[in-house]
């Protein structure tokens, strides 16, 4: 049985707010799973932090399974205008 890929991509700037949190700070949850055929995968993205922008919430990979869908979703988040130029970290579970 295949397991789902999931992780939490985080993007942050160098400035700090009055509580010491980085500004901006954008955090997401990405979960992928198999889809329709053995080769397909689908990933869903949910913004976790309040100001995190999201242009697209679902990513389908027709080849490469759920890992390919997961990687496509993370790559898309890196390309979001609101994340451009920010530091990046991916915590995978």
C-alpha atoms as a PDB file:
ATOM      1  CA  UNK A   1       0.000   0.000   0.000  1.00  0.00           C
ATOM      2  CA  UNK A   2       1.370   3.389  -0.991  1.00  0.00           C
ATOM      3  CA  UNK A   3       1.603   6.178   1.541  1.00  0.00           C
ATOM      4  CA  UNK A   4       0.668   9.781   0.980  1.00  0.00           C
ATOM      5  CA  UNK A   5       3.351  12.455   0.735  1.00  0.00           C
ATOM      6  CA  UNK A   6       2.837  15.463   2.928  1.00  0.00           C
ATOM      7  CA  UNK A   7       4.864  18.434   4.005  1.00  0.00           C
ATOM      8  CA  UNK A   8       4.802  21.997   5.165  1.00  0.00           C
ATOM      9  CA  UNK A   9       6.532  24.502   2.864  1.00  0.00           C
ATOM     10  CA  UNK A  10       7.367  27.764   4.632  1.00  0.00           C
ATOM     11  CA  UNK A  11       8.475  31.092   3.186  1.00  0.00           C
ATOM     12  CA  UNK A  12       9.638  34.027   5.302  1.00  0.00           C
ATOM     13  CA  UNK A  13      11.250  37.432   5.104  1.00  0.00           C
ATOM     14  CA  UNK A  14      13.976  39.068   7.174  1.00  0.00           C
ATOM     15  CA  UNK A  15      11.827  41.617   9.015  1.00  0.00           C
ATOM     16  CA  UNK A  16      10.197  40.827  12.379  1.00  0.00           C
ATOM     17  CA  UNK A  17       6.888  41.943  13.870  1.00  0.00           C
ATOM     18  CA  UNK A  18       6.401  43.061  17.476  1.00  0.00           C
ATOM     19  CA  UNK A  19       6.122  39.391  18.542  1.00  0.00           C
ATOM     20  CA  UNK A  20       9.349  38.315  16.847  1.00  0.00           C
ATOM     21  CA  UNK A  21       7.636  36.507  13.963  1.00  0.00           C
ATOM     22  CA  UNK A  22       9.146  36.941  10.514  1.00  0.00           C
ATOM     23  CA  UNK A  23       7.390  39.235   8.067  1.00  0.00           C
ATOM     24  CA  UNK A  24       6.129  38.188   5.676  1.00  0.00           C
ATOM     25  CA  UNK A  25       5.513  34.598   6.762  1.00  0.00           C
ATOM     26  CA  UNK A  26       3.673  32.184   4.468  1.00  0.00           C
ATOM     27  CA  UNK A  27       3.084  28.593   5.526  1.00  0.00           C
ATOM     28  CA  UNK A  28       1.195  25.844   3.679  1.00  0.00           C
ATOM     29  CA  UNK A  29       0.222  22.200   4.050  1.00  0.00           C
ATOM     30  CA  UNK A  30       0.677  19.994   0.969  1.00  0.00           C
ATOM     31  CA  UNK A  31      -0.775  16.478   0.903  1.00  0.00           C
ATOM     32  CA  UNK A  32      -0.642  14.177  -2.101  1.00  0.00           C
ATOM     33  CA  UNK A  33      -2.099  10.770  -2.784  1.00  0.00           C
ATOM     34  CA  UNK A  34      -2.587   8.282  -5.634  1.00  0.00           C
ATOM     35  CA  UNK A  35      -5.263   9.146  -8.177  1.00  0.00           C
ATOM     36  CA  UNK A  36      -7.305   7.041 -10.598  1.00  0.00           C
ATOM     37  CA  UNK A  37      -4.402   4.979 -12.004  1.00  0.00           C
ATOM     38  CA  UNK A  38      -1.147   3.708 -10.532  1.00  0.00           C
ATOM     39  CA  UNK A  39       0.868   6.346 -12.424  1.00  0.00           C
ATOM     40  CA  UNK A  40      -1.310   9.321 -11.404  1.00  0.00           C
ATOM     41  CA  UNK A  41      -1.120  11.440  -8.288  1.00  0.00           C
ATOM     42  CA  UNK A  42      -2.948  14.463  -6.953  1.00  0.00           C
ATOM     43  CA  UNK A  43      -1.774  17.041  -4.424  1.00  0.00           C
ATOM     44  CA  UNK A  44      -3.861  19.480  -2.413  1.00  0.00           C
ATOM     45  CA  UNK A  45      -2.491  22.697  -0.929  1.00  0.00           C
ATOM     46  CA  UNK A  46      -3.967  24.517   2.066  1.00  0.00           C
ATOM     47  CA  UNK A  47      -2.627  27.862   3.331  1.00  0.00           C
ATOM     48  CA  UNK A  48      -1.908  27.664   7.062  1.00  0.00           C
ATOM     49  CA  UNK A  49      -0.757  31.197   7.898  1.00  0.00           C
ATOM     50  CA  UNK A  50      -3.314  33.973   7.636  1.00  0.00           C
ATOM     51  CA  UNK A  51      -1.715  35.973   4.821  1.00  0.00           C
ATOM     52  CA  UNK A  52      -0.459  33.077   2.679  1.00  0.00           C
ATOM     53  CA  UNK A  53      -1.702  33.524  -0.889  1.00  0.00           C
ATOM     54  CA  UNK A  54      -2.599  30.628  -3.116  1.00  0.00           C
ATOM     55  CA  UNK A  55      -3.278  30.758  -6.860  1.00  0.00           C
ATOM     56  CA  UNK A  56      -4.011  27.063  -7.302  1.00  0.00           C
ATOM     57  CA  UNK A  57      -5.057  24.455  -4.734  1.00  0.00           C
ATOM     58  CA  UNK A  58      -4.943  21.159  -6.701  1.00  0.00           C
ATOM     59  CA  UNK A  59      -2.101  19.631  -8.741  1.00  0.00           C
ATOM     60  CA  UNK A  60      -2.523  16.555 -10.914  1.00  0.00           C
ATOM     61  CA  UNK A  61       0.406  14.475 -12.155  1.00  0.00           C
ATOM     62  CA  UNK A  62      -0.413  11.957 -14.864  1.00  0.00           C
ATOM     63  CA  UNK A  63       2.996  10.295 -14.423  1.00  0.00           C
ATOM     64  CA  UNK A  64       5.201   9.869 -11.395  1.00  0.00           C
ATOM     65  CA  UNK A  65       2.413   9.288  -8.896  1.00  0.00           C
ATOM     66  CA  UNK A  66       1.772  11.250  -5.745  1.00  0.00           C
ATOM     67  CA  UNK A  67       5.447  12.267  -5.422  1.00  0.00           C
ATOM     68  CA  UNK A  68       5.334  14.063  -8.771  1.00  0.00           C
ATOM     69  CA  UNK A  69       2.129  15.848  -7.762  1.00  0.00           C
ATOM     70  CA  UNK A  70       3.689  16.852  -4.426  1.00  0.00           C
ATOM     71  CA  UNK A  71       6.791  18.243  -6.137  1.00  0.00           C
ATOM     72  CA  UNK A  72       4.655  20.126  -8.672  1.00  0.00           C
ATOM     73  CA  UNK A  73       2.680  21.768  -5.861  1.00  0.00           C
ATOM     74  CA  UNK A  74       5.824  22.839  -3.983  1.00  0.00           C
ATOM     75  CA  UNK A  75       7.380  24.214  -7.182  1.00  0.00           C
ATOM     76  CA  UNK A  76       4.234  26.221  -7.852  1.00  0.00           C
ATOM     77  CA  UNK A  77       4.323  27.683  -4.331  1.00  0.00           C
ATOM     78  CA  UNK A  78       7.915  28.781  -4.912  1.00  0.00           C
ATOM     79  CA  UNK A  79       6.685  30.659  -8.002  1.00  0.00           C
ATOM     80  CA  UNK A  80       3.884  32.498  -6.156  1.00  0.00           C
ATOM     81  CA  UNK A  81       4.521  36.241  -6.381  1.00  0.00           C
ATOM     82  CA  UNK A  82       4.038  36.622  -2.621  1.00  0.00           C
ATOM     83  CA  UNK A  83       6.806  34.035  -1.979  1.00  0.00           C
ATOM     84  CA  UNK A  84       9.356  35.343  -4.481  1.00  0.00           C
ATOM     85  CA  UNK A  85      12.610  36.396  -2.826  1.00  0.00           C
ATOM     86  CA  UNK A  86      11.709  34.901   0.570  1.00  0.00           C
ATOM     87  CA  UNK A  87      13.660  32.242   2.425  1.00  0.00           C
ATOM     88  CA  UNK A  88      12.313  28.730   1.974  1.00  0.00           C
ATOM     89  CA  UNK A  89      12.135  25.572   4.077  1.00  0.00           C
ATOM     90  CA  UNK A  90      10.262  22.333   3.444  1.00  0.00           C
ATOM     91  CA  UNK A  91       9.451  20.063   6.366  1.00  0.00           C
ATOM     92  CA  UNK A  92       8.292  16.674   5.134  1.00  0.00           C
ATOM     93  CA  UNK A  93       6.470  14.100   7.211  1.00  0.00           C
END
